[in-house]
C-alpha cells in the first residue's frame, strides 16, 4: 500500500515488476455538503481504533493548548482499549465540554460527521495507509496528519493538508490554530477533494487494469 513497502521489496525483486496500488474510496458517497455550518467554534474530527499507536492523547493535549486562545471542539469516532485512558486525560485536563466520544457510528452518520467538521486530524504514531484521511478529503475537508508512512504520502503539505511530526502535541496545536483561517480551510478543502479523486474506485480500478495489461504483454 505504500512506497516504503515497494522500496523494501525492491531489494530482492525487480522494481519494474512491483506496483503500488492504494485502497479505493467511494468518492460518490463521501462527498462535500453544499450548505454551510454556522457556529462560533471550530470542530476537529478524528476517526480511529482507539489504541496507543493512533496518538489520540496527543490530539487531546493539542486541543487543550488551542482552547487557551480559540473556541474549539473535538469529536472522537471509534472505540478500543485506550478509551478509558483517553477519558481520564480529558477529565484531568478539564475538557469534558470540548471533547465528545462518539464511539463507533454507522456509515451514514460517519459521512455526516465528516461533512459537519471543519478539520480532520489523524495523529498516528504509526500508520501504513490511513483510509479515513482520504474519506475526509473526499468530503472536502483539510486534514492534519503526522509524518507516518501512509498519510505523509497522501497529503501535500500546506496544499491539501498539513503534515506535523508524530508525537508532538505543540506542533499539532499550531497546525489546528493555523486552520482557524477560513480562507485557508476553504482552499485546502478544495484541493483535498481533488486529491481524493485520485483514490476513487474508478481511479484505482484503472490502475489495476493497467497492471494486468502490462503483465499480459510480458507473457
Foldseek 3Di string as FASTA:
>chain_A
DFPVVLVVVVVPDPSVLDDDFDAFDALVLLAADDDADDDQAAEEEEEDAPDVQQVVLLQLVLVLVLVVPGHYAYEYEEYYDCVVVSVVSCVVSVNPVRYHYPYHDDPNVVSVVLRRHAEYEGQGNEDQACVVLLSSLSRLWAYEYEPYGHPVVLDDDLQQYHYHHHPHSNVVSVRVVVSVPPVSGNRSSVVSSVSSVCRHPVNSVVVVVVSVVVVVVVD
